[in-house]
Amino acid sequence: MRIALFAVLVALVLPGCSVARNADRARPTEPPVPAGVPTVIAPPQASGLDGTAGAPGPQVCTTIAGDLTTRLSVPVTANPFAWNDGGLPALDLCTLLVEGRSVTVGVTALPRQPDALSRLLTGAGHISPLTELGPEAQITESRIVFITAEHAVRITPAGGIDQGRADGLDRAKAVTIAMAARDAVPAVLRNGRQTDATCQLSNSAAEKFMGAAAQLRRDYRVHGALTCIWGTYDATVSIVEAFDQTTIPESQRVPPPRNAPVGRPGYYLPEDGELVFRLGRRVVRVTALTTPPREVSLDALTAIVDQMMPLFLR
């Protein structure tokens, strides 16, 4: 009987002792929330990049606008500047206005790779061959893609192709524009390196993230605001500055983005591979994309922009 009573007392006391011994230990840390990997194919760009601002110089749209006016028998004009979307593959873009309807023409800034067209067709809808533009050309309800001069080209009417929308184009007009672009691209291809000295401050950090020397550089200013882009076939890094942007649209997402300890305010969006923050009259976006997608940490994005922070703090 005494032995049994002792055993019961031990059973009751020992758990309490265990709790007492562990009470002063540090609580186990909660596992970090997985950052995930970016799901976008091109980072956000500075507002107003529709060809009314951007980089000067020869581009497809200004080259073909006059000829298209004759071929389509409707007014065709071109916005005078070009820009780069910093995607994978990165595209040099320009804008045509066909009777006031916007058509974006994109040419890969680097020579085509075997999967270039498949990347450009992501999310494009039903895909059909377009033999008029070559054995690899494809058409969907939203775009035309093809190869010319060893570069991939994408034609994107704002309202789609044969969709019956006021800002769209019928198939015949879209194909005519694509043919004109095919003929013009070889003469207006841009050099792979377009650099601004300010962007060089972050060059080593960008290349460290990409794991290779940049094969592509696209640096330019839009109304004084700086854009820096570094690229390889499998990674793109960009820093895009905008002046006097009254809001940060990313802050309105549901669920809300994670706060970042940069700027006032600052946000980290791992699903976009993006860090966005405000410093005075500037909003700065730092993005990094890879294929295949890999996690882009806040530390990695901060390291890329760190050397340029004194510029943004002025």
C-alpha atoms as a PDB file:
ATOM      1  CA  MET A   1       0.000   0.000   0.000  1.00  0.00           C
ATOM      2  CA  ARG A   2       2.776   2.477   0.926  1.00  0.00           C
ATOM      3  CA  ILE A   3       4.655   1.640  -2.287  1.00  0.00           C
ATOM      4  CA  ALA A   4       1.554   2.296  -4.364  1.00  0.00           C
ATOM      5  CA  LEU A   5       0.901   5.618  -2.619  1.00  0.00           C
ATOM      6  CA  PHE A   6       4.528   6.706  -3.218  1.00  0.00           C
ATOM      7  CA  ALA A   7       4.250   5.899  -6.899  1.00  0.00           C
ATOM      8  CA  VAL A   8       1.137   8.051  -7.234  1.00  0.00           C
ATOM      9  CA  LEU A   9       2.852  10.998  -5.514  1.00  0.00           C
ATOM     10  CA  VAL A  10       5.882  10.713  -7.813  1.00  0.00           C
ATOM     11  CA  ALA A  11       3.618  10.671 -10.847  1.00  0.00           C
ATOM     12  CA  LEU A  12       1.910  13.865  -9.690  1.00  0.00           C
ATOM     13  CA  VAL A  13       5.086  15.744  -8.697  1.00  0.00           C
ATOM     14  CA  LEU A  14       7.419  14.956 -11.593  1.00  0.00           C
ATOM     15  CA  PRO A  15       5.406  16.729 -14.320  1.00  0.00           C
ATOM     16  CA  GLY A  16       5.336  19.852 -12.170  1.00  0.00           C
ATOM     17  CA  CYS A  17       9.093  19.680 -11.702  1.00  0.00           C
ATOM     18  CA  SER A  18       9.516  19.288 -15.433  1.00  0.00           C
ATOM     19  CA  VAL A  19       7.431  22.415 -16.074  1.00  0.00           C
ATOM     20  CA  ALA A  20       9.386  24.324 -13.452  1.00  0.00           C
ATOM     21  CA  ARG A  21      12.700  23.285 -14.956  1.00  0.00           C
ATOM     22  CA  ASN A  22      11.578  24.392 -18.454  1.00  0.00           C
ATOM     23  CA  ALA A  23       9.822  27.624 -17.507  1.00  0.00           C
ATOM     24  CA  ASP A  24      12.961  29.746 -17.736  1.00  0.00           C
ATOM     25  CA  ARG A  25      14.033  28.377 -21.094  1.00  0.00           C
ATOM     26  CA  ALA A  26      13.603  30.457 -24.255  1.00  0.00           C
ATOM     27  CA  ARG A  27      10.399  29.571 -26.030  1.00  0.00           C
ATOM     28  CA  PRO A  28      10.904  27.732 -29.288  1.00  0.00           C
ATOM     29  CA  THR A  29      10.848  30.107 -32.207  1.00  0.00           C
ATOM     30  CA  GLU A  30       8.019  29.781 -34.667  1.00  0.00           C
ATOM     31  CA  PRO A  31       9.072  28.536 -38.088  1.00  0.00           C
ATOM     32  CA  PRO A  32       9.467  31.423 -40.550  1.00  0.00           C
ATOM     33  CA  VAL A  33       6.727  31.980 -43.074  1.00  0.00           C
ATOM     34  CA  PRO A  34       7.963  30.582 -46.378  1.00  0.00           C
ATOM     35  CA  ALA A  35       8.731  33.397 -48.774  1.00  0.00           C
ATOM     36  CA  GLY A  36       7.685  31.490 -51.852  1.00  0.00           C
ATOM     37  CA  VAL A  37       8.912  32.228 -55.339  1.00  0.00           C
ATOM     38  CA  PRO A  38       7.878  34.968 -57.772  1.00  0.00           C
ATOM     39  CA  THR A  39       5.021  34.105 -60.082  1.00  0.00           C
ATOM     40  CA  VAL A  40       5.232  37.142 -62.357  1.00  0.00           C
ATOM     41  CA  ILE A  41       7.148  37.319 -65.625  1.00  0.00           C
ATOM     42  CA  ALA A  42       7.899  41.051 -65.617  1.00  0.00           C
ATOM     43  CA  PRO A  43       8.264  43.526 -62.764  1.00  0.00           C
ATOM     44  CA  PRO A  44       6.263  46.742 -62.441  1.00  0.00           C
ATOM     45  CA  GLN A  45       7.618  49.678 -64.368  1.00  0.00           C
ATOM     46  CA  ALA A  46       7.519  53.410 -63.827  1.00  0.00           C
ATOM     47  CA  SER A  47       4.135  54.958 -64.567  1.00  0.00           C
ATOM     48  CA  GLY A  48       3.661  56.500 -67.995  1.00  0.00           C
ATOM     49  CA  LEU A  49       5.817  54.012 -69.904  1.00  0.00           C
ATOM     50  CA  ASP A  50       3.568  53.759 -72.938  1.00  0.00           C
ATOM     51  CA  GLY A  51       6.038  55.152 -75.443  1.00  0.00           C
ATOM     52  CA  THR A  52       5.317  58.779 -74.547  1.00  0.00           C
ATOM     53  CA  ALA A  53       8.366  58.638 -72.245  1.00  0.00           C
ATOM     54  CA  GLY A  54      11.384  56.377 -72.034  1.00  0.00           C
ATOM     55  CA  ALA A  55      14.536  55.790 -73.998  1.00  0.00           C
ATOM     56  CA  PRO A  56      15.152  57.677 -77.262  1.00  0.00           C
ATOM     57  CA  GLY A  57      16.607  56.148 -80.379  1.00  0.00           C
ATOM     58  CA  PRO A  58      15.575  53.980 -83.334  1.00  0.00           C
ATOM     59  CA  GLN A  59      12.744  51.550 -82.650  1.00  0.00           C
ATOM     60  CA  VAL A  60      10.305  49.397 -84.568  1.00  0.00           C
ATOM     61  CA  CYS A  61       7.144  51.450 -84.122  1.00  0.00           C
ATOM     62  CA  THR A  62       8.476  54.730 -85.491  1.00  0.00           C
ATOM     63  CA  THR A  63      10.029  52.801 -88.399  1.00  0.00           C
ATOM     64  CA  ILE A  64       6.825  51.122 -89.575  1.00  0.00           C
ATOM     65  CA  ALA A  65       4.108  53.652 -88.750  1.00  0.00           C
ATOM     66  CA  GLY A  66       4.207  55.485 -92.097  1.00  0.00           C
ATOM     67  CA  ASP A  67       4.155  52.307 -94.164  1.00  0.00           C
ATOM     68  CA  LEU A  68       1.287  50.880 -92.114  1.00  0.00           C
ATOM     69  CA  THR A  69      -0.812  53.984 -92.722  1.00  0.00           C
ATOM     70  CA  THR A  70      -0.630  53.173 -96.438  1.00  0.00           C
ATOM     71  CA  ARG A  71      -1.068  49.405 -96.078  1.00  0.00           C
ATOM     72  CA  LEU A  72      -3.984  49.561 -93.640  1.00  0.00           C
ATOM     73  CA  SER A  73      -5.612  52.690 -95.131  1.00  0.00           C
ATOM     74  CA  VAL A  74      -6.119  54.084 -91.626  1.00  0.00           C
ATOM     75  CA  PRO A  75      -4.065  56.556 -89.546  1.00  0.00           C
ATOM     76  CA  VAL A  76      -1.133  54.859 -87.805  1.00  0.00           C
ATOM     77  CA  THR A  77       1.232  56.806 -85.561  1.00  0.00           C
ATOM     78  CA  ALA A  78       3.993  55.788 -83.154  1.00  0.00           C
ATOM     79  CA  ASN A  79       4.858  57.093 -79.714  1.00  0.00           C
ATOM     80  CA  PRO A  80       8.451  58.340 -79.942  1.00  0.00           C
ATOM     81  CA  PHE A  81      10.205  56.441 -77.141  1.00  0.00           C
ATOM     82  CA  ALA A  82      10.920  52.842 -76.137  1.00  0.00           C
ATOM     83  CA  TRP A  83      11.314  51.080 -72.808  1.00  0.00           C
ATOM     84  CA  ASN A  84      12.141  47.616 -71.451  1.00  0.00           C
ATOM     85  CA  ASP A  85       9.857  45.423 -69.370  1.00  0.00           C
ATOM     86  CA  GLY A  86      12.662  43.669 -67.478  1.00  0.00           C
ATOM     87  CA  GLY A  87      10.933  40.312 -67.823  1.00  0.00           C
ATOM     88  CA  LEU A  88      12.160  36.863 -68.823  1.00  0.00           C
ATOM     89  CA  PRO A  89      12.845  37.211 -71.662  1.00  0.00           C
ATOM     90  CA  ALA A  90      13.322  40.975 -71.365  1.00  0.00           C
ATOM     91  CA  LEU A  91      11.569  42.882 -74.145  1.00  0.00           C
ATOM     92  CA  ASP A  92      12.349  46.239 -75.724  1.00  0.00           C
ATOM     93  CA  LEU A  93       8.886  47.741 -76.171  1.00  0.00           C
ATOM     94  CA  CYS A  94       7.284  50.493 -78.231  1.00  0.00           C
ATOM     95  CA  THR A  95       3.729  51.631 -78.944  1.00  0.00           C
ATOM     96  CA  LEU A  96       1.763  52.023 -82.159  1.00  0.00           C
ATOM     97  CA  LEU A  97      -1.573  53.843 -82.321  1.00  0.00           C
ATOM     98  CA  VAL A  98      -3.800  52.369 -85.018  1.00  0.00           C
ATOM     99  CA  GLU A  99      -6.769  54.742 -85.363  1.00  0.00           C
ATOM    100  CA  GLY A 100      -6.034  55.625 -81.752  1.00  0.00           C
ATOM    101  CA  ARG A 101      -5.980  51.955 -80.620  1.00  0.00           C
ATOM    102  CA  SER A 102      -2.842  50.986 -78.766  1.00  0.00           C
ATOM    103  CA  VAL A 103      -0.653  48.137 -80.023  1.00  0.00           C
ATOM    104  CA  THR A 104       2.539  47.224 -78.154  1.00  0.00           C
ATOM    105  CA  VAL A 105       5.447  45.742 -80.106  1.00  0.00           C
ATOM    106  CA  GLY A 106       8.093  43.902 -78.090  1.00  0.00           C
ATOM    107  CA  VAL A 107      11.436  42.547 -79.327  1.00  0.00           C
ATOM    108  CA  THR A 108      13.625  40.378 -77.102  1.00  0.00           C
ATOM    109  CA  ALA A 109      16.644  42.394 -76.018  1.00  0.00           C
ATOM    110  CA  LEU A 110      18.824  39.278 -76.207  1.00  0.00           C
ATOM    111  CA  PRO A 111      18.902  36.772 -79.087  1.00  0.00           C
ATOM    112  CA  ARG A 112      16.204  34.124 -78.947  1.00  0.00           C
ATOM    113  CA  GLN A 113      16.545  30.969 -76.859  1.00  0.00           C
ATOM    114  CA  PRO A 114      14.751  27.669 -77.577  1.00  0.00           C
ATOM    115  CA  ASP A 115      11.949  28.500 -75.115  1.00  0.00           C
ATOM    116  CA  ALA A 116      11.594  32.208 -75.944  1.00  0.00           C
ATOM    117  CA  LEU A 117       8.234  31.887 -77.723  1.00  0.00           C
ATOM    118  CA  SER A 118       6.772  29.574 -75.093  1.00  0.00           C
ATOM    119  CA  ARG A 119       7.659  32.120 -72.411  1.00  0.00           C
ATOM    120  CA  LEU A 120       6.000  34.886 -74.414  1.00  0.00           C
ATOM    121  CA  LEU A 121       2.862  32.744 -74.813  1.00  0.00           C
ATOM    122  CA  THR A 122       2.366  32.150 -71.089  1.00  0.00           C
ATOM    123  CA  GLY A 123      -1.284  32.885 -70.275  1.00  0.00           C
ATOM    124  CA  ALA A 124      -2.057  33.809 -73.878  1.00  0.00           C
ATOM    125  CA  GLY A 125      -5.117  31.604 -74.374  1.00  0.00           C
ATOM    126  CA  HIS A 126      -5.753  29.290 -77.326  1.00  0.00           C
ATOM    127  CA  ILE A 127      -2.659  29.023 -79.539  1.00  0.00           C
ATOM    128  CA  SER A 128      -2.764  28.496 -83.310  1.00  0.00           C
ATOM    129  CA  PRO A 129       0.014  28.403 -85.938  1.00  0.00           C
ATOM    130  CA  LEU A 130       0.511  31.503 -88.094  1.00  0.00           C
ATOM    131  CA  THR A 131       2.315  30.180 -91.152  1.00  0.00           C
ATOM    132  CA  GLU A 132       2.343  33.577 -92.882  1.00  0.00           C
ATOM    133  CA  LEU A 133       5.096  34.629 -90.452  1.00  0.00           C
ATOM    134  CA  GLY A 134       7.136  31.444 -90.433  1.00  0.00           C
ATOM    135  CA  PRO A 135       7.076  27.880 -89.093  1.00  0.00           C
ATOM    136  CA  GLU A 136       7.361  28.927 -85.439  1.00  0.00           C
ATOM    137  CA  ALA A 137       4.908  31.844 -85.486  1.00  0.00           C
ATOM    138  CA  GLN A 138       1.800  31.590 -83.300  1.00  0.00           C
ATOM    139  CA  ILE A 139      -1.377  33.628 -82.861  1.00  0.00           C
ATOM    140  CA  THR A 140      -3.819  33.777 -79.942  1.00  0.00           C
ATOM    141  CA  GLU A 141      -6.746  35.991 -79.030  1.00  0.00           C
ATOM    142  CA  SER A 142      -4.346  38.339 -77.239  1.00  0.00           C
ATOM    143  CA  ARG A 143      -1.062  38.352 -79.192  1.00  0.00           C
ATOM    144  CA  ILE A 144       1.138  37.254 -82.099  1.00  0.00           C
ATOM    145  CA  VAL A 145       4.636  35.882 -81.542  1.00  0.00           C
ATOM    146  CA  PHE A 146       7.311  34.983 -84.088  1.00  0.00           C
ATOM    147  CA  ILE A 147      11.045  34.914 -84.750  1.00  0.00           C
ATOM    148  CA  THR A 148      12.982  37.298 -86.958  1.00  0.00           C
ATOM    149  CA  ALA A 149      16.716  38.071 -87.108  1.00  0.00           C
ATOM    150  CA  GLU A 150      17.203  35.528 -84.285  1.00  0.00           C
ATOM    151  CA  HIS A 151      15.064  37.591 -81.919  1.00  0.00           C
ATOM    152  CA  ALA A 152      11.564  36.841 -80.669  1.00  0.00           C
ATOM    153  CA  VAL A 153       8.839  39.420 -81.342  1.00  0.00           C
ATOM    154  CA  ARG A 154       5.458  39.887 -79.647  1.00  0.00           C
ATOM    155  CA  ILE A 155       2.578  41.984 -81.036  1.00  0.00           C
ATOM    156  CA  THR A 156      -0.066  42.841 -78.409  1.00  0.00           C
ATOM    157  CA  PRO A 157      -3.175  44.901 -79.309  1.00  0.00           C
ATOM    158  CA  ALA A 158      -4.679  46.380 -76.139  1.00  0.00           C
ATOM    159  CA  GLY A 159      -8.110  44.965 -76.923  1.00  0.00           C
ATOM    160  CA  GLY A 160      -6.984  41.623 -78.305  1.00  0.00           C
ATOM    161  CA  ILE A 161      -7.384  40.102 -81.759  1.00  0.00           C
ATOM    162  CA  ASP A 162     -10.847  39.371 -83.214  1.00  0.00           C
ATOM    163  CA  GLN A 163     -12.444  39.919 -79.812  1.00  0.00           C
ATOM    164  CA  GLY A 164     -14.977  42.515 -80.937  1.00  0.00           C
ATOM    165  CA  ARG A 165     -13.656  45.161 -78.560  1.00  0.00           C
ATOM    166  CA  ALA A 166     -13.431  48.829 -79.507  1.00  0.00           C
ATOM    167  CA  ASP A 167      -9.705  48.897 -78.644  1.00  0.00           C
ATOM    168  CA  GLY A 168      -8.938  45.606 -80.384  1.00  0.00           C
ATOM    169  CA  LEU A 169      -7.882  44.670 -83.913  1.00  0.00           C
ATOM    170  CA  ASP A 170      -9.155  42.201 -86.449  1.00  0.00           C
ATOM    171  CA  ARG A 171      -6.851  39.372 -87.465  1.00  0.00           C
ATOM    172  CA  ALA A 172      -5.939  40.877 -90.853  1.00  0.00           C
ATOM    173  CA  LYS A 173      -4.713  44.162 -89.325  1.00  0.00           C
ATOM    174  CA  ALA A 174      -2.795  42.389 -86.566  1.00  0.00           C
ATOM    175  CA  VAL A 175      -1.029  40.130 -89.063  1.00  0.00           C
ATOM    176  CA  THR A 176      -0.183  43.096 -91.319  1.00  0.00           C
ATOM    177  CA  ILE A 177       1.426  44.880 -88.350  1.00  0.00           C
ATOM    178  CA  ALA A 178       3.365  41.732 -87.477  1.00  0.00           C
ATOM    179  CA  MET A 179       4.673  41.427 -91.030  1.00  0.00           C
ATOM    180  CA  ALA A 180       5.816  45.050 -91.046  1.00  0.00           C
ATOM    181  CA  ALA A 181       7.585  44.503 -87.716  1.00  0.00           C
ATOM    182  CA  ARG A 182       9.240  41.341 -89.015  1.00  0.00           C
ATOM    183  CA  ASP A 183      10.759  43.284 -91.908  1.00  0.00           C
ATOM    184  CA  ALA A 184      11.837  46.253 -89.772  1.00  0.00           C
ATOM    185  CA  VAL A 185      13.366  44.533 -86.718  1.00  0.00           C
ATOM    186  CA  PRO A 186      16.739  43.575 -88.287  1.00  0.00           C
ATOM    187  CA  ALA A 187      17.537  47.238 -89.023  1.00  0.00           C
ATOM    188  CA  VAL A 188      16.639  48.619 -85.574  1.00  0.00           C
ATOM    189  CA  LEU A 189      17.955  45.997 -83.156  1.00  0.00           C
ATOM    190  CA  ARG A 190      19.451  47.693 -80.105  1.00  0.00           C
ATOM    191  CA  ASN A 191      22.835  46.999 -78.591  1.00  0.00           C
ATOM    192  CA  GLY A 192      22.643  44.727 -75.556  1.00  0.00           C
ATOM    193  CA  ARG A 193      24.351  47.274 -73.312  1.00  0.00           C
ATOM    194  CA  GLN A 194      22.711  50.623 -72.603  1.00  0.00           C
ATOM    195  CA  THR A 195      24.157  51.893 -69.323  1.00  0.00           C
ATOM    196  CA  ASP A 196      23.871  54.815 -66.925  1.00  0.00           C
ATOM    197  CA  ALA A 197      26.800  55.525 -64.598  1.00  0.00           C
ATOM    198  CA  THR A 198      24.525  55.757 -61.555  1.00  0.00           C
ATOM    199  CA  CYS A 199      23.320  52.180 -62.058  1.00  0.00           C
ATOM    200  CA  GLN A 200      26.915  50.958 -61.866  1.00  0.00           C
ATOM    201  CA  LEU A 201      26.730  51.443 -58.092  1.00  0.00           C
ATOM    202  CA  SER A 202      24.575  48.317 -57.846  1.00  0.00           C
ATOM    203  CA  ASN A 203      26.205  46.382 -60.665  1.00  0.00           C
ATOM    204  CA  SER A 204      28.205  43.931 -58.535  1.00  0.00           C
ATOM    205  CA  ALA A 205      25.232  43.150 -56.256  1.00  0.00           C
ATOM    206  CA  ALA A 206      22.948  42.543 -59.254  1.00  0.00           C
ATOM    207  CA  GLU A 207      25.478  40.236 -60.891  1.00  0.00           C
ATOM    208  CA  LYS A 208      25.998  38.394 -57.608  1.00  0.00           C
ATOM    209  CA  PHE A 209      22.276  37.654 -57.465  1.00  0.00           C
ATOM    210  CA  MET A 210      22.195  36.535 -61.105  1.00  0.00           C
ATOM    211  CA  GLY A 211      25.303  34.408 -60.644  1.00  0.00           C
ATOM    212  CA  ALA A 212      26.858  35.699 -63.860  1.00  0.00           C
ATOM    213  CA  ALA A 213      28.003  38.851 -65.607  1.00  0.00           C
ATOM    214  CA  ALA A 214      25.089  40.815 -67.066  1.00  0.00           C
ATOM    215  CA  GLN A 215      24.539  40.026 -70.741  1.00  0.00           C
ATOM    216  CA  LEU A 216      21.846  42.713 -70.942  1.00  0.00           C
ATOM    217  CA  ARG A 217      21.824  46.280 -69.596  1.00  0.00           C
ATOM    218  CA  ARG A 218      18.945  48.681 -70.022  1.00  0.00           C
ATOM    219  CA  ASP A 219      19.453  51.901 -68.078  1.00  0.00           C
ATOM    220  CA  TYR A 220      17.522  55.086 -68.889  1.00  0.00           C
ATOM    221  CA  ARG A 221      15.634  57.977 -67.312  1.00  0.00           C
ATOM    222  CA  VAL A 222      11.951  58.815 -67.557  1.00  0.00           C
ATOM    223  CA  HIS A 223      11.294  62.482 -66.728  1.00  0.00           C
ATOM    224  CA  GLY A 224      14.474  62.353 -64.654  1.00  0.00           C
ATOM    225  CA  ALA A 225      13.549  59.154 -62.777  1.00  0.00           C
ATOM    226  CA  LEU A 226      16.057  56.323 -63.155  1.00  0.00           C
ATOM    227  CA  THR A 227      15.508  52.791 -64.432  1.00  0.00           C
ATOM    228  CA  CYS A 228      18.310  50.201 -64.144  1.00  0.00           C
ATOM    229  CA  ILE A 229      17.985  46.696 -65.601  1.00  0.00           C
ATOM    230  CA  TRP A 230      20.514  43.852 -65.564  1.00  0.00           C
ATOM    231  CA  GLY A 231      19.778  40.587 -67.320  1.00  0.00           C
ATOM    232  CA  THR A 232      20.898  37.172 -68.448  1.00  0.00           C
ATOM    233  CA  TYR A 233      18.820  34.535 -70.206  1.00  0.00           C
ATOM    234  CA  ASP A 234      17.743  33.141 -66.847  1.00  0.00           C
ATOM    235  CA  ALA A 235      17.611  36.125 -64.468  1.00  0.00           C
ATOM    236  CA  THR A 236      16.636  39.790 -64.483  1.00  0.00           C
ATOM    237  CA  VAL A 237      17.203  42.428 -61.810  1.00  0.00           C
ATOM    238  CA  SER A 238      15.710  45.912 -61.955  1.00  0.00           C
ATOM    239  CA  ILE A 239      15.609  49.120 -59.933  1.00  0.00           C
ATOM    240  CA  VAL A 240      12.857  51.492 -61.073  1.00  0.00           C
ATOM    241  CA  GLU A 241      12.437  54.971 -59.623  1.00  0.00           C
ATOM    242  CA  ALA A 242       9.297  57.089 -59.952  1.00  0.00           C
ATOM    243  CA  PHE A 243       8.815  60.700 -58.865  1.00  0.00           C
ATOM    244  CA  ASP A 244       5.693  62.142 -57.231  1.00  0.00           C
ATOM    245  CA  GLN A 245       3.722  58.894 -57.252  1.00  0.00           C
ATOM    246  CA  THR A 246       0.912  59.680 -54.818  1.00  0.00           C
ATOM    247  CA  THR A 247       0.131  56.079 -53.862  1.00  0.00           C
ATOM    248  CA  ILE A 248       1.830  52.693 -53.749  1.00  0.00           C
ATOM    249  CA  PRO A 249      -0.716  50.372 -55.409  1.00  0.00           C
ATOM    250  CA  GLU A 250       0.918  47.274 -53.935  1.00  0.00           C
ATOM    251  CA  SER A 251      -0.105  48.453 -50.449  1.00  0.00           C
ATOM    252  CA  GLN A 252      -3.781  47.903 -51.316  1.00  0.00           C
ATOM    253  CA  ARG A 253      -3.469  44.200 -51.987  1.00  0.00           C
ATOM    254  CA  VAL A 254      -5.533  41.669 -50.075  1.00  0.00           C
ATOM    255  CA  PRO A 255      -4.042  40.181 -48.005  1.00  0.00           C
ATOM    256  CA  PRO A 256      -1.805  43.204 -47.342  1.00  0.00           C
ATOM    257  CA  PRO A 257       1.898  42.899 -48.222  1.00  0.00           C
ATOM    258  CA  ARG A 258       4.587  42.326 -45.632  1.00  0.00           C
ATOM    259  CA  ASN A 259       6.183  45.460 -44.192  1.00  0.00           C
ATOM    260  CA  ALA A 260       9.852  46.034 -45.029  1.00  0.00           C
ATOM    261  CA  PRO A 261      12.362  47.964 -42.908  1.00  0.00           C
ATOM    262  CA  VAL A 262      13.234  50.234 -45.838  1.00  0.00           C
ATOM    263  CA  GLY A 263      11.567  53.542 -46.592  1.00  0.00           C
ATOM    264  CA  ARG A 264       8.440  55.154 -45.175  1.00  0.00           C
ATOM    265  CA  PRO A 265       6.555  52.998 -45.877  1.00  0.00           C
ATOM    266  CA  GLY A 266       8.222  49.921 -47.375  1.00  0.00           C
ATOM    267  CA  TYR A 267       6.733  46.610 -48.518  1.00  0.00           C
ATOM    268  CA  TYR A 268       8.129  43.212 -49.444  1.00  0.00           C
ATOM    269  CA  LEU A 269       6.175  41.106 -51.960  1.00  0.00           C
ATOM    270  CA  PRO A 270       7.865  37.705 -52.283  1.00  0.00           C
ATOM    271  CA  GLU A 271       5.308  36.482 -54.819  1.00  0.00           C
ATOM    272  CA  ASP A 272       6.488  39.266 -57.160  1.00  0.00           C
ATOM    273  CA  GLY A 273      10.159  39.164 -56.155  1.00  0.00           C
ATOM    274  CA  GLU A 274       9.696  42.840 -55.273  1.00  0.00           C
ATOM    275  CA  LEU A 275      10.705  45.384 -52.655  1.00  0.00           C
ATOM    276  CA  VAL A 276       8.886  48.728 -52.972  1.00  0.00           C
ATOM    277  CA  PHE A 277       9.397  51.731 -50.739  1.00  0.00           C
ATOM    278  CA  ARG A 278       8.881  55.478 -50.522  1.00  0.00           C
ATOM    279  CA  LEU A 279      11.632  57.981 -49.739  1.00  0.00           C
ATOM    280  CA  GLY A 280      10.379  61.558 -49.919  1.00  0.00           C
ATOM    281  CA  ARG A 281       9.043  62.226 -53.406  1.00  0.00           C
ATOM    282  CA  ARG A 282      10.486  58.977 -54.725  1.00  0.00           C
ATOM    283  CA  VAL A 283       8.903  55.519 -54.947  1.00  0.00           C
ATOM    284  CA  VAL A 284      11.522  52.855 -55.697  1.00  0.00           C
ATOM    285  CA  ARG A 285      10.844  49.306 -56.853  1.00  0.00           C
ATOM    286  CA  VAL A 286      13.522  46.627 -56.708  1.00  0.00           C
ATOM    287  CA  THR A 287      12.710  43.329 -58.417  1.00  0.00           C
ATOM    288  CA  ALA A 288      14.492  40.098 -59.191  1.00  0.00           C
ATOM    289  CA  LEU A 289      13.220  37.233 -61.335  1.00  0.00           C
ATOM    290  CA  THR A 290      14.721  33.899 -62.315  1.00  0.00           C
ATOM    291  CA  THR A 291      13.802  30.935 -64.427  1.00  0.00           C
ATOM    292  CA  PRO A 292      13.241  28.404 -63.101  1.00  0.00           C
ATOM    293  CA  PRO A 293      11.734  30.512 -60.305  1.00  0.00           C
ATOM    294  CA  ARG A 294      13.598  30.609 -57.023  1.00  0.00           C
ATOM    295  CA  GLU A 295      12.988  32.386 -53.750  1.00  0.00           C
ATOM    296  CA  VAL A 296      14.016  36.027 -53.728  1.00  0.00           C
ATOM    297  CA  SER A 297      14.650  37.075 -50.153  1.00  0.00           C
ATOM    298  CA  LEU A 298      14.217  40.534 -48.675  1.00  0.00           C
ATOM    299  CA  ASP A 299      17.931  40.515 -47.824  1.00  0.00           C
ATOM    300  CA  ALA A 300      18.805  39.867 -51.475  1.00  0.00           C
ATOM    301  CA  LEU A 301      16.646  42.760 -52.707  1.00  0.00           C
ATOM    302  CA  THR A 302      17.992  45.087 -50.029  1.00  0.00           C
ATOM    303  CA  ALA A 303      21.576  44.202 -50.940  1.00  0.00           C
ATOM    304  CA  ILE A 304      20.887  45.039 -54.610  1.00  0.00           C
ATOM    305  CA  VAL A 305      19.622  48.553 -53.872  1.00  0.00           C
ATOM    306  CA  ASP A 306      21.825  49.308 -50.858  1.00  0.00           C
ATOM    307  CA  GLN A 307      24.636  51.022 -52.776  1.00  0.00           C
ATOM    308  CA  MET A 308      22.144  53.387 -54.425  1.00  0.00           C
ATOM    309  CA  MET A 309      20.348  54.398 -51.229  1.00  0.00           C
ATOM    310  CA  PRO A 310      22.370  57.619 -50.781  1.00  0.00           C
ATOM    311  CA  LEU A 311      21.062  58.726 -54.186  1.00  0.00           C
ATOM    312  CA  PHE A 312      17.441  58.079 -53.186  1.00  0.00           C
ATOM    313  CA  LEU A 313      17.915  59.795 -49.820  1.00  0.00           C
ATOM    314  CA  ARG A 314      18.922  63.127 -51.401  1.00  0.00           C
END
